[in-house]
C-alpha atoms as a PDB file:
ATOM      1  CA  MET A   1      -0.018  -0.058  -0.028  1.00  0.00           C
ATOM      2  CA  TYR A   2       2.810   2.544   0.887  1.00  0.00           C
ATOM      3  CA  GLN A   3       4.702   3.332  -2.153  1.00  0.00           C
ATOM      4  CA  GLY A   4       7.269   6.024  -0.643  1.00  0.00           C
ATOM      5  CA  PRO A   5      10.825   5.347   0.349  1.00  0.00           C
ATOM      6  CA  LEU A   6      11.114   2.471   2.991  1.00  0.00           C
ATOM      7  CA  ASP A   7      13.751   4.374   5.080  1.00  0.00           C
ATOM      8  CA  ASP A   8      11.481   7.639   5.718  1.00  0.00           C
ATOM      9  CA  PRO A   9      10.129   8.378   9.171  1.00  0.00           C
ATOM     10  CA  CYS A  10       6.503   7.219   8.012  1.00  0.00           C
ATOM     11  CA  ALA A  11       7.498   3.718   6.503  1.00  0.00           C
ATOM     12  CA  ILE A  12       9.708   3.228   9.715  1.00  0.00           C
ATOM     13  CA  ALA A  13       6.755   4.145  12.016  1.00  0.00           C
ATOM     14  CA  MET A  14       4.310   1.860   9.983  1.00  0.00           C
ATOM     15  CA  ARG A  15       6.655  -1.012  10.211  1.00  0.00           C
ATOM     16  CA  ASP A  16       7.096  -0.635  13.828  1.00  0.00           C
ATOM     17  CA  CYS A  17       3.307   0.210  14.451  1.00  0.00           C
ATOM     18  CA  ASP A  18       4.612   3.223  16.560  1.00  0.00           C
ATOM     19  CA  PRO A  19       1.641   4.899  18.301  1.00  0.00           C
ATOM     20  CA  LYS A  20       3.891   7.976  18.689  1.00  0.00           C
ATOM     21  CA  GLY A  21       4.742   8.133  14.968  1.00  0.00           C
ATOM     22  CA  PRO A  22       3.037  10.151  12.352  1.00  0.00           C
ATOM     23  CA  LEU A  23      -0.744   9.159  11.734  1.00  0.00           C
ATOM     24  CA  MET A  24      -0.834   6.683   8.835  1.00  0.00           C
ATOM     25  CA  MET A  25      -4.216   5.267   8.201  1.00  0.00           C
ATOM     26  CA  TYR A  26      -5.902   3.147   5.426  1.00  0.00           C
ATOM     27  CA  VAL A  27      -9.590   4.045   5.126  1.00  0.00           C
ATOM     28  CA  SER A  28     -11.281   1.069   3.563  1.00  0.00           C
ATOM     29  CA  LYS A  29     -15.110   2.526   3.753  1.00  0.00           C
ATOM     30  CA  MET A  30     -16.781   5.797   3.998  1.00  0.00           C
ATOM     31  CA  VAL A  31     -20.291   5.712   5.201  1.00  0.00           C
ATOM     32  CA  PRO A  32     -22.376   9.065   4.953  1.00  0.00           C
ATOM     33  CA  THR A  33     -23.998  10.379   8.266  1.00  0.00           C
ATOM     34  CA  SER A  34     -27.134  12.305   8.432  1.00  0.00           C
ATOM     35  CA  ASP A  35     -25.170  15.664   8.410  1.00  0.00           C
ATOM     36  CA  LYS A  36     -24.779  16.577   4.775  1.00  0.00           C
ATOM     37  CA  GLY A  37     -21.146  16.362   3.557  1.00  0.00           C
ATOM     38  CA  ARG A  38     -19.984  14.269   6.748  1.00  0.00           C
ATOM     39  CA  PHE A  39     -18.927  10.510   6.745  1.00  0.00           C
ATOM     40  CA  TYR A  40     -17.888   7.872   9.174  1.00  0.00           C
ATOM     41  CA  ALA A  41     -14.395   6.553   7.945  1.00  0.00           C
ATOM     42  CA  PHE A  42     -13.707   2.898   8.672  1.00  0.00           C
ATOM     43  CA  GLY A  43     -10.222   1.740   8.163  1.00  0.00           C
ATOM     44  CA  ARG A  44      -6.887   0.630   9.907  1.00  0.00           C
ATOM     45  CA  VAL A  45      -4.242   2.768  11.800  1.00  0.00           C
ATOM     46  CA  PHE A  46      -0.942   1.640  11.003  1.00  0.00           C
ATOM     47  CA  SER A  47       1.058   4.159  12.966  1.00  0.00           C
ATOM     48  CA  GLY A  48       0.098   7.377  15.308  1.00  0.00           C
ATOM     49  CA  THR A  49      -3.085   8.177  17.101  1.00  0.00           C
ATOM     50  CA  ILE A  50      -6.029   9.761  15.538  1.00  0.00           C
ATOM     51  CA  ALA A  51      -8.229  12.357  17.478  1.00  0.00           C
ATOM     52  CA  ASN A  52     -10.977  14.629  17.084  1.00  0.00           C
ATOM     53  CA  GLY A  53     -10.125  18.054  15.707  1.00  0.00           C
ATOM     54  CA  GLN A  54      -6.837  16.599  14.267  1.00  0.00           C
ATOM     55  CA  CYS A  55      -6.005  17.992  10.862  1.00  0.00           C
ATOM     56  CA  VAL A  56      -5.019  14.993   8.482  1.00  0.00           C
ATOM     57  CA  ARG A  57      -3.747  14.834   5.031  1.00  0.00           C
ATOM     58  CA  ILE A  58      -5.828  12.573   2.737  1.00  0.00           C
ATOM     59  CA  LEU A  59      -4.230  10.881  -0.171  1.00  0.00           C
ATOM     60  CA  GLY A  60      -6.697   9.841  -2.835  1.00  0.00           C
ATOM     61  CA  PRO A  61      -6.428   6.993  -5.370  1.00  0.00           C
ATOM     62  CA  ASN A  62      -4.796   8.997  -7.866  1.00  0.00           C
ATOM     63  CA  PHE A  63      -1.959  10.415  -5.542  1.00  0.00           C
ATOM     64  CA  VAL A  64       1.588   9.972  -6.819  1.00  0.00           C
ATOM     65  CA  TYR A  65       4.456  10.391  -4.128  1.00  0.00           C
ATOM     66  CA  GLY A  66       6.169  13.750  -4.544  1.00  0.00           C
ATOM     67  CA  GLU A  67       3.073  15.508  -6.178  1.00  0.00           C
ATOM     68  CA  LYS A  68       0.202  17.437  -4.787  1.00  0.00           C
ATOM     69  CA  LYS A  69      -2.587  16.007  -7.045  1.00  0.00           C
ATOM     70  CA  ASP A  70      -5.284  14.174  -5.283  1.00  0.00           C
ATOM     71  CA  CYS A  71      -4.087  15.447  -1.983  1.00  0.00           C
ATOM     72  CA  TYR A  72      -6.162  17.162   0.603  1.00  0.00           C
ATOM     73  CA  GLU A  73      -6.090  18.667   4.251  1.00  0.00           C
ATOM     74  CA  LYS A  74      -9.284  18.051   6.444  1.00  0.00           C
ATOM     75  CA  ASN A  75      -9.989  18.156  10.110  1.00  0.00           C
ATOM     76  CA  VAL A  76     -11.232  14.942  11.664  1.00  0.00           C
END
């Protein structure tokens, strides 16, 4: 799933399942809520810890490492 360099801090944190590392999560399903434009995201956290109000970077299916295409920042 991860296509970046295997020696960078994100890859190392994912390999070690480090709860203090950067947040790395794979979202496998998005379910709409009753609030328009909001979703419940179901997935697996590989490293880091996720919390309400946290700003996260979302990489879409067309994201290419090193480019900004299909990359968004949103609050949890």
